């Protein structure tokens, strides 16, 4: 396995993208969809969004919690331990690269959005990335909610493009409004990381007792007249 802090090159990103897309055959995908199941993460764009949310949030989310989101209802059948280590290593290296960029080169961080070419013109596709980000957030939704209105406002363009409720709003927007919302995603992602980084870095005050500790042989503070060890300590 390569250094886990080495960024993926283009060939490795393509190999990871191909694996995510090809791990479900058409029949399996249709069965999962028909049962209302979860197909998991199906490309690098959505994975990039998921991992970005994971490294940006209020708490550490270990791989054992986010890998089931990647696989969905059907974890791959691995040909060998080496194959698993290869794919897992690619995902961990990409996660570490995202974290390093956001920590040390935040202004240069760019999400891995998809692209769609029409009449030789390239358009960014942000839906899948934002959907992946929201899936990462949902792994620790209660802790994220502690961010209140501040985090809600920063999440607004991501929710707009990454949730079914948001897509309904996008559908009635004109082209200029859609472009403004797309342009707001990357700055918001950088600010969200900084938002939680500052809160994680704040020192916590030690808990101080308002009164001295009661000894086992001291009179019980409840006023019973018994020793503490024979009263409320039991």
C-alpha atoms as a PDB file:
ATOM      1  CA  UNK A   1       0.000   0.000   0.000  1.00  0.00           C
ATOM      2  CA  UNK A   2       1.325   3.447  -0.905  1.00  0.00           C
ATOM      3  CA  UNK A   3       1.874   6.292   1.547  1.00  0.00           C
ATOM      4  CA  UNK A   4      -1.627   7.104   2.818  1.00  0.00           C
ATOM      5  CA  UNK A   5      -0.924  10.827   2.475  1.00  0.00           C
ATOM      6  CA  UNK A   6       0.039  10.660  -1.199  1.00  0.00           C
ATOM      7  CA  UNK A   7      -2.629  12.254  -3.448  1.00  0.00           C
ATOM      8  CA  UNK A   8      -4.220  10.051  -6.093  1.00  0.00           C
ATOM      9  CA  UNK A   9      -3.021  10.586  -9.631  1.00  0.00           C
ATOM     10  CA  UNK A  10      -5.451  10.727 -12.567  1.00  0.00           C
ATOM     11  CA  UNK A  11      -5.121   7.002 -13.317  1.00  0.00           C
ATOM     12  CA  UNK A  12      -5.865   6.083  -9.698  1.00  0.00           C
ATOM     13  CA  UNK A  13      -8.893   8.380  -9.572  1.00  0.00           C
ATOM     14  CA  UNK A  14     -10.177   6.744 -12.747  1.00  0.00           C
ATOM     15  CA  UNK A  15      -9.565   3.259 -11.335  1.00  0.00           C
ATOM     16  CA  UNK A  16     -11.474   4.130  -8.149  1.00  0.00           C
ATOM     17  CA  UNK A  17     -14.283   5.695 -10.180  1.00  0.00           C
ATOM     18  CA  UNK A  18     -14.537   2.596 -12.386  1.00  0.00           C
ATOM     19  CA  UNK A  19     -14.650   0.302  -9.355  1.00  0.00           C
ATOM     20  CA  UNK A  20     -17.471   2.264  -7.703  1.00  0.00           C
ATOM     21  CA  UNK A  21     -19.498   2.287 -10.904  1.00  0.00           C
ATOM     22  CA  UNK A  22     -18.871  -1.329 -11.904  1.00  0.00           C
ATOM     23  CA  UNK A  23     -19.195  -2.993  -8.475  1.00  0.00           C
ATOM     24  CA  UNK A  24     -22.973  -3.370  -9.043  1.00  0.00           C
ATOM     25  CA  UNK A  25     -24.157  -5.205 -12.118  1.00  0.00           C
ATOM     26  CA  UNK A  26     -27.342  -3.956 -13.768  1.00  0.00           C
ATOM     27  CA  UNK A  27     -29.518  -6.748 -12.392  1.00  0.00           C
ATOM     28  CA  UNK A  28     -28.369  -6.164  -8.798  1.00  0.00           C
ATOM     29  CA  UNK A  29     -28.822  -2.421  -9.125  1.00  0.00           C
ATOM     30  CA  UNK A  30     -32.357  -2.878 -10.429  1.00  0.00           C
ATOM     31  CA  UNK A  31     -33.221  -5.269  -7.580  1.00  0.00           C
ATOM     32  CA  UNK A  32     -31.954  -2.801  -4.970  1.00  0.00           C
ATOM     33  CA  UNK A  33     -33.859   0.068  -6.581  1.00  0.00           C
ATOM     34  CA  UNK A  34     -37.074  -1.980  -6.838  1.00  0.00           C
ATOM     35  CA  UNK A  35     -36.863  -2.811  -3.135  1.00  0.00           C
ATOM     36  CA  UNK A  36     -36.313   0.846  -2.238  1.00  0.00           C
ATOM     37  CA  UNK A  37     -32.783   0.048  -1.100  1.00  0.00           C
ATOM     38  CA  UNK A  38     -29.593   2.064  -1.137  1.00  0.00           C
ATOM     39  CA  UNK A  39     -27.181   1.599  -4.033  1.00  0.00           C
ATOM     40  CA  UNK A  40     -24.424   3.376  -2.114  1.00  0.00           C
ATOM     41  CA  UNK A  41     -21.812   5.668  -3.645  1.00  0.00           C
ATOM     42  CA  UNK A  42     -21.500   5.136  -7.384  1.00  0.00           C
ATOM     43  CA  UNK A  43     -18.672   7.438  -8.505  1.00  0.00           C
ATOM     44  CA  UNK A  44     -15.700   9.488  -7.345  1.00  0.00           C
ATOM     45  CA  UNK A  45     -17.671  12.739  -7.492  1.00  0.00           C
ATOM     46  CA  UNK A  46     -20.187  11.536  -4.891  1.00  0.00           C
ATOM     47  CA  UNK A  47     -17.396   9.923  -2.848  1.00  0.00           C
ATOM     48  CA  UNK A  48     -15.485  13.216  -2.835  1.00  0.00           C
ATOM     49  CA  UNK A  49     -18.551  14.966  -1.431  1.00  0.00           C
ATOM     50  CA  UNK A  50     -19.050  12.298   1.234  1.00  0.00           C
ATOM     51  CA  UNK A  51     -15.425  12.397   2.375  1.00  0.00           C
ATOM     52  CA  UNK A  52     -15.329  16.191   2.357  1.00  0.00           C
ATOM     53  CA  UNK A  53     -18.268  16.332   4.774  1.00  0.00           C
ATOM     54  CA  UNK A  54     -16.673  13.670   6.963  1.00  0.00           C
ATOM     55  CA  UNK A  55     -13.400  15.564   7.392  1.00  0.00           C
ATOM     56  CA  UNK A  56     -15.192  18.914   7.774  1.00  0.00           C
ATOM     57  CA  UNK A  57     -17.607  18.131  10.582  1.00  0.00           C
ATOM     58  CA  UNK A  58     -17.644  18.511  14.359  1.00  0.00           C
ATOM     59  CA  UNK A  59     -16.472  14.971  15.174  1.00  0.00           C
ATOM     60  CA  UNK A  60     -14.149  12.284  13.851  1.00  0.00           C
ATOM     61  CA  UNK A  61     -16.017   9.681  11.781  1.00  0.00           C
ATOM     62  CA  UNK A  62     -14.057   6.423  11.520  1.00  0.00           C
ATOM     63  CA  UNK A  63     -14.058   4.303   8.328  1.00  0.00           C
ATOM     64  CA  UNK A  64     -16.143   1.574   9.948  1.00  0.00           C
ATOM     65  CA  UNK A  65     -19.013   4.095  10.034  1.00  0.00           C
ATOM     66  CA  UNK A  66     -18.702   5.568   6.557  1.00  0.00           C
ATOM     67  CA  UNK A  67     -17.767   2.487   4.543  1.00  0.00           C
ATOM     68  CA  UNK A  68     -21.310   1.042   4.836  1.00  0.00           C
ATOM     69  CA  UNK A  69     -22.566   4.276   3.241  1.00  0.00           C
ATOM     70  CA  UNK A  70     -20.196   3.723   0.326  1.00  0.00           C
ATOM     71  CA  UNK A  71     -21.352   0.131  -0.239  1.00  0.00           C
ATOM     72  CA  UNK A  72     -25.059   0.670   0.406  1.00  0.00           C
ATOM     73  CA  UNK A  73     -27.199  -2.462   0.395  1.00  0.00           C
ATOM     74  CA  UNK A  74     -24.619  -4.623  -1.377  1.00  0.00           C
ATOM     75  CA  UNK A  75     -21.012  -4.737  -0.172  1.00  0.00           C
ATOM     76  CA  UNK A  76     -18.609  -5.966  -2.856  1.00  0.00           C
ATOM     77  CA  UNK A  77     -17.493  -9.574  -2.919  1.00  0.00           C
ATOM     78  CA  UNK A  78     -13.732  -9.133  -2.829  1.00  0.00           C
ATOM     79  CA  UNK A  79     -11.545 -11.264  -5.048  1.00  0.00           C
ATOM     80  CA  UNK A  80      -8.792 -11.097  -2.438  1.00  0.00           C
ATOM     81  CA  UNK A  81      -7.602  -9.180   0.602  1.00  0.00           C
ATOM     82  CA  UNK A  82      -5.188  -7.379  -1.701  1.00  0.00           C
ATOM     83  CA  UNK A  83      -8.071  -6.028  -3.784  1.00  0.00           C
ATOM     84  CA  UNK A  84      -9.827  -4.707  -0.677  1.00  0.00           C
ATOM     85  CA  UNK A  85      -6.629  -3.106   0.612  1.00  0.00           C
ATOM     86  CA  UNK A  86      -6.047  -1.503  -2.784  1.00  0.00           C
ATOM     87  CA  UNK A  87      -9.513   0.095  -3.025  1.00  0.00           C
ATOM     88  CA  UNK A  88      -9.638   1.028   0.658  1.00  0.00           C
ATOM     89  CA  UNK A  89      -6.174   2.529   0.373  1.00  0.00           C
ATOM     90  CA  UNK A  90      -7.279   4.705  -2.556  1.00  0.00           C
ATOM     91  CA  UNK A  91     -10.250   5.995  -0.549  1.00  0.00           C
ATOM     92  CA  UNK A  92      -8.139   6.712   2.541  1.00  0.00           C
ATOM     93  CA  UNK A  93      -5.519   8.548   0.499  1.00  0.00           C
ATOM     94  CA  UNK A  94      -8.201  10.678  -1.110  1.00  0.00           C
ATOM     95  CA  UNK A  95      -9.760  11.447   2.277  1.00  0.00           C
ATOM     96  CA  UNK A  96      -6.362  12.458   3.665  1.00  0.00           C
ATOM     97  CA  UNK A  97      -5.716  14.662   0.636  1.00  0.00           C
ATOM     98  CA  UNK A  98      -9.028  16.489   1.159  1.00  0.00           C
ATOM     99  CA  UNK A  99      -8.283  16.991   4.852  1.00  0.00           C
ATOM    100  CA  UNK A 100      -4.784  18.267   4.123  1.00  0.00           C
ATOM    101  CA  UNK A 101      -6.038  20.723   1.503  1.00  0.00           C
ATOM    102  CA  UNK A 102      -8.728  22.114   3.778  1.00  0.00           C
ATOM    103  CA  UNK A 103      -6.332  22.457   6.686  1.00  0.00           C
ATOM    104  CA  UNK A 104      -3.280  23.870   4.914  1.00  0.00           C
ATOM    105  CA  UNK A 105      -4.458  25.224   1.541  1.00  0.00           C
ATOM    106  CA  UNK A 106      -8.112  26.029   2.161  1.00  0.00           C
ATOM    107  CA  UNK A 107      -8.369  28.758  -0.465  1.00  0.00           C
ATOM    108  CA  UNK A 108      -7.101  26.335  -3.114  1.00  0.00           C
ATOM    109  CA  UNK A 109      -9.513  23.511  -2.243  1.00  0.00           C
ATOM    110  CA  UNK A 110     -11.872  22.543  -5.075  1.00  0.00           C
ATOM    111  CA  UNK A 111     -14.576  19.852  -4.975  1.00  0.00           C
ATOM    112  CA  UNK A 112     -14.407  17.106  -7.602  1.00  0.00           C
ATOM    113  CA  UNK A 113     -17.547  18.103  -9.473  1.00  0.00           C
ATOM    114  CA  UNK A 114     -18.761  16.167 -12.482  1.00  0.00           C
ATOM    115  CA  UNK A 115     -18.784  17.575 -16.000  1.00  0.00           C
ATOM    116  CA  UNK A 116     -21.299  17.421 -18.834  1.00  0.00           C
ATOM    117  CA  UNK A 117     -20.368  18.429 -22.385  1.00  0.00           C
ATOM    118  CA  UNK A 118     -23.038  19.820 -24.706  1.00  0.00           C
ATOM    119  CA  UNK A 119     -22.153  21.259 -28.131  1.00  0.00           C
ATOM    120  CA  UNK A 120     -18.472  21.412 -27.179  1.00  0.00           C
ATOM    121  CA  UNK A 121     -19.293  23.416 -24.057  1.00  0.00           C
ATOM    122  CA  UNK A 122     -18.513  21.971 -20.614  1.00  0.00           C
ATOM    123  CA  UNK A 123     -20.974  22.395 -17.758  1.00  0.00           C
ATOM    124  CA  UNK A 124     -20.300  21.564 -14.114  1.00  0.00           C
ATOM    125  CA  UNK A 125     -22.594  18.972 -12.549  1.00  0.00           C
ATOM    126  CA  UNK A 126     -22.776  19.577  -8.807  1.00  0.00           C
ATOM    127  CA  UNK A 127     -25.784  17.464  -7.784  1.00  0.00           C
ATOM    128  CA  UNK A 128     -23.938  14.207  -7.111  1.00  0.00           C
ATOM    129  CA  UNK A 129     -21.172  15.906  -5.142  1.00  0.00           C
ATOM    130  CA  UNK A 130     -23.674  17.771  -2.952  1.00  0.00           C
ATOM    131  CA  UNK A 131     -25.707  14.600  -2.433  1.00  0.00           C
ATOM    132  CA  UNK A 132     -22.555  12.829  -1.261  1.00  0.00           C
ATOM    133  CA  UNK A 133     -21.793  15.715   1.105  1.00  0.00           C
ATOM    134  CA  UNK A 134     -25.264  15.516   2.633  1.00  0.00           C
ATOM    135  CA  UNK A 135     -24.834  11.778   3.144  1.00  0.00           C
ATOM    136  CA  UNK A 136     -21.624  12.444   5.043  1.00  0.00           C
ATOM    137  CA  UNK A 137     -23.364  15.059   7.185  1.00  0.00           C
ATOM    138  CA  UNK A 138     -26.164  12.618   8.026  1.00  0.00           C
ATOM    139  CA  UNK A 139     -23.660  10.304   9.719  1.00  0.00           C
ATOM    140  CA  UNK A 140     -23.374  12.894  12.519  1.00  0.00           C
ATOM    141  CA  UNK A 141     -26.516  14.970  11.963  1.00  0.00           C
ATOM    142  CA  UNK A 142     -27.190  15.706  15.636  1.00  0.00           C
ATOM    143  CA  UNK A 143     -23.722  17.185  16.167  1.00  0.00           C
ATOM    144  CA  UNK A 144     -24.015  19.237  12.974  1.00  0.00           C
ATOM    145  CA  UNK A 145     -27.332  20.665  14.202  1.00  0.00           C
ATOM    146  CA  UNK A 146     -25.457  22.291  17.092  1.00  0.00           C
ATOM    147  CA  UNK A 147     -24.063  24.748  14.542  1.00  0.00           C
ATOM    148  CA  UNK A 148     -27.431  26.493  14.517  1.00  0.00           C
ATOM    149  CA  UNK A 149     -28.315  29.224  12.065  1.00  0.00           C
ATOM    150  CA  UNK A 150     -24.679  29.842  11.155  1.00  0.00           C
ATOM    151  CA  UNK A 151     -24.112  26.369   9.789  1.00  0.00           C
ATOM    152  CA  UNK A 152     -27.592  26.271   8.238  1.00  0.00           C
ATOM    153  CA  UNK A 153     -26.811  29.309   6.120  1.00  0.00           C
ATOM    154  CA  UNK A 154     -23.462  27.887   5.003  1.00  0.00           C
ATOM    155  CA  UNK A 155     -25.133  24.603   4.061  1.00  0.00           C
ATOM    156  CA  UNK A 156     -27.881  26.299   2.050  1.00  0.00           C
ATOM    157  CA  UNK A 157     -26.351  25.938  -1.453  1.00  0.00           C
ATOM    158  CA  UNK A 158     -25.249  22.371  -0.720  1.00  0.00           C
ATOM    159  CA  UNK A 159     -28.722  21.396   0.484  1.00  0.00           C
ATOM    160  CA  UNK A 160     -30.200  23.108  -2.552  1.00  0.00           C
ATOM    161  CA  UNK A 161     -28.274  20.896  -4.962  1.00  0.00           C
ATOM    162  CA  UNK A 162     -27.977  17.805  -2.738  1.00  0.00           C
ATOM    163  CA  UNK A 163     -31.508  17.048  -1.533  1.00  0.00           C
ATOM    164  CA  UNK A 164     -34.826  16.257  -3.206  1.00  0.00           C
ATOM    165  CA  UNK A 165     -36.416  19.280  -1.548  1.00  0.00           C
ATOM    166  CA  UNK A 166     -33.645  21.468  -2.910  1.00  0.00           C
ATOM    167  CA  UNK A 167     -33.916  20.065  -6.438  1.00  0.00           C
ATOM    168  CA  UNK A 168     -37.555  21.161  -6.546  1.00  0.00           C
ATOM    169  CA  UNK A 169     -36.426  24.720  -5.832  1.00  0.00           C
ATOM    170  CA  UNK A 170     -33.654  24.536  -8.427  1.00  0.00           C
ATOM    171  CA  UNK A 171     -36.152  23.450 -11.087  1.00  0.00           C
ATOM    172  CA  UNK A 172     -37.971  26.799 -10.930  1.00  0.00           C
ATOM    173  CA  UNK A 173     -34.824  28.965 -10.932  1.00  0.00           C
ATOM    174  CA  UNK A 174     -33.625  30.860 -13.958  1.00  0.00           C
ATOM    175  CA  UNK A 175     -30.150  30.200 -15.370  1.00  0.00           C
ATOM    176  CA  UNK A 176     -28.525  33.146 -13.571  1.00  0.00           C
ATOM    177  CA  UNK A 177     -29.858  32.072 -10.168  1.00  0.00           C
ATOM    178  CA  UNK A 178     -28.694  28.501 -10.724  1.00  0.00           C
ATOM    179  CA  UNK A 179     -25.220  29.747 -11.570  1.00  0.00           C
ATOM    180  CA  UNK A 180     -25.068  31.875  -8.423  1.00  0.00           C
ATOM    181  CA  UNK A 181     -25.990  28.887  -6.298  1.00  0.00           C
ATOM    182  CA  UNK A 182     -23.387  26.694  -7.999  1.00  0.00           C
ATOM    183  CA  UNK A 183     -20.742  29.351  -7.433  1.00  0.00           C
ATOM    184  CA  UNK A 184     -21.647  29.537  -3.734  1.00  0.00           C
ATOM    185  CA  UNK A 185     -20.894  25.863  -3.042  1.00  0.00           C
ATOM    186  CA  UNK A 186     -17.093  25.908  -2.936  1.00  0.00           C
ATOM    187  CA  UNK A 187     -16.758  29.017  -0.703  1.00  0.00           C
ATOM    188  CA  UNK A 188     -19.372  27.534   1.625  1.00  0.00           C
ATOM    189  CA  UNK A 189     -17.467  24.249   1.884  1.00  0.00           C
ATOM    190  CA  UNK A 190     -14.293  26.110   2.868  1.00  0.00           C
ATOM    191  CA  UNK A 191     -16.150  28.183   5.465  1.00  0.00           C
ATOM    192  CA  UNK A 192     -17.904  25.132   6.917  1.00  0.00           C
ATOM    193  CA  UNK A 193     -14.545  23.473   7.507  1.00  0.00           C
ATOM    194  CA  UNK A 194     -13.265  26.618   9.243  1.00  0.00           C
ATOM    195  CA  UNK A 195     -16.498  26.894  11.268  1.00  0.00           C
ATOM    196  CA  UNK A 196     -16.063  23.473  12.868  1.00  0.00           C
ATOM    197  CA  UNK A 197     -12.263  23.690  13.049  1.00  0.00           C
ATOM    198  CA  UNK A 198     -12.508  26.755  15.284  1.00  0.00           C
ATOM    199  CA  UNK A 199     -14.995  25.034  17.572  1.00  0.00           C
ATOM    200  CA  UNK A 200     -12.954  21.848  17.829  1.00  0.00           C
ATOM    201  CA  UNK A 201      -9.906  23.916  18.764  1.00  0.00           C
ATOM    202  CA  UNK A 202     -11.584  25.777  21.642  1.00  0.00           C
ATOM    203  CA  UNK A 203     -10.260  24.622  25.023  1.00  0.00           C
ATOM    204  CA  UNK A 204     -12.807  23.213  27.425  1.00  0.00           C
ATOM    205  CA  UNK A 205     -12.910  24.460  31.002  1.00  0.00           C
ATOM    206  CA  UNK A 206     -12.273  21.869  33.732  1.00  0.00           C
ATOM    207  CA  UNK A 207     -15.264  20.900  35.831  1.00  0.00           C
ATOM    208  CA  UNK A 208     -14.921  22.394  39.311  1.00  0.00           C
ATOM    209  CA  UNK A 209     -16.836  21.184  42.337  1.00  0.00           C
ATOM    210  CA  UNK A 210     -19.033  23.749  44.038  1.00  0.00           C
ATOM    211  CA  UNK A 211     -18.422  22.045  47.421  1.00  0.00           C
ATOM    212  CA  UNK A 212     -15.726  19.782  48.914  1.00  0.00           C
ATOM    213  CA  UNK A 213     -16.000  16.053  48.248  1.00  0.00           C
ATOM    214  CA  UNK A 214     -17.943  14.216  50.964  1.00  0.00           C
ATOM    215  CA  UNK A 215     -15.879  11.539  52.723  1.00  0.00           C
ATOM    216  CA  UNK A 216     -17.212   8.033  53.329  1.00  0.00           C
ATOM    217  CA  UNK A 217     -17.237   8.575  57.115  1.00  0.00           C
ATOM    218  CA  UNK A 218     -18.569  12.148  57.031  1.00  0.00           C
ATOM    219  CA  UNK A 219     -22.178  12.932  57.990  1.00  0.00           C
ATOM    220  CA  UNK A 220     -24.419  12.444  54.969  1.00  0.00           C
ATOM    221  CA  UNK A 221     -25.320  15.813  53.400  1.00  0.00           C
ATOM    222  CA  UNK A 222     -28.958  14.700  53.092  1.00  0.00           C
ATOM    223  CA  UNK A 223     -29.371  15.391  56.838  1.00  0.00           C
ATOM    224  CA  UNK A 224     -30.243  11.850  57.901  1.00  0.00           C
ATOM    225  CA  UNK A 225     -27.654  11.842  60.693  1.00  0.00           C
ATOM    226  CA  UNK A 226     -26.047   8.695  59.264  1.00  0.00           C
ATOM    227  CA  UNK A 227     -22.553   8.423  57.875  1.00  0.00           C
ATOM    228  CA  UNK A 228     -22.377   8.988  54.126  1.00  0.00           C
ATOM    229  CA  UNK A 229     -21.175   5.389  53.514  1.00  0.00           C
ATOM    230  CA  UNK A 230     -24.279   4.012  55.228  1.00  0.00           C
ATOM    231  CA  UNK A 231     -26.727   6.384  53.531  1.00  0.00           C
ATOM    232  CA  UNK A 232     -26.682   8.050  50.097  1.00  0.00           C
ATOM    233  CA  UNK A 233     -23.376   6.451  49.012  1.00  0.00           C
ATOM    234  CA  UNK A 234     -25.159   3.080  48.868  1.00  0.00           C
END
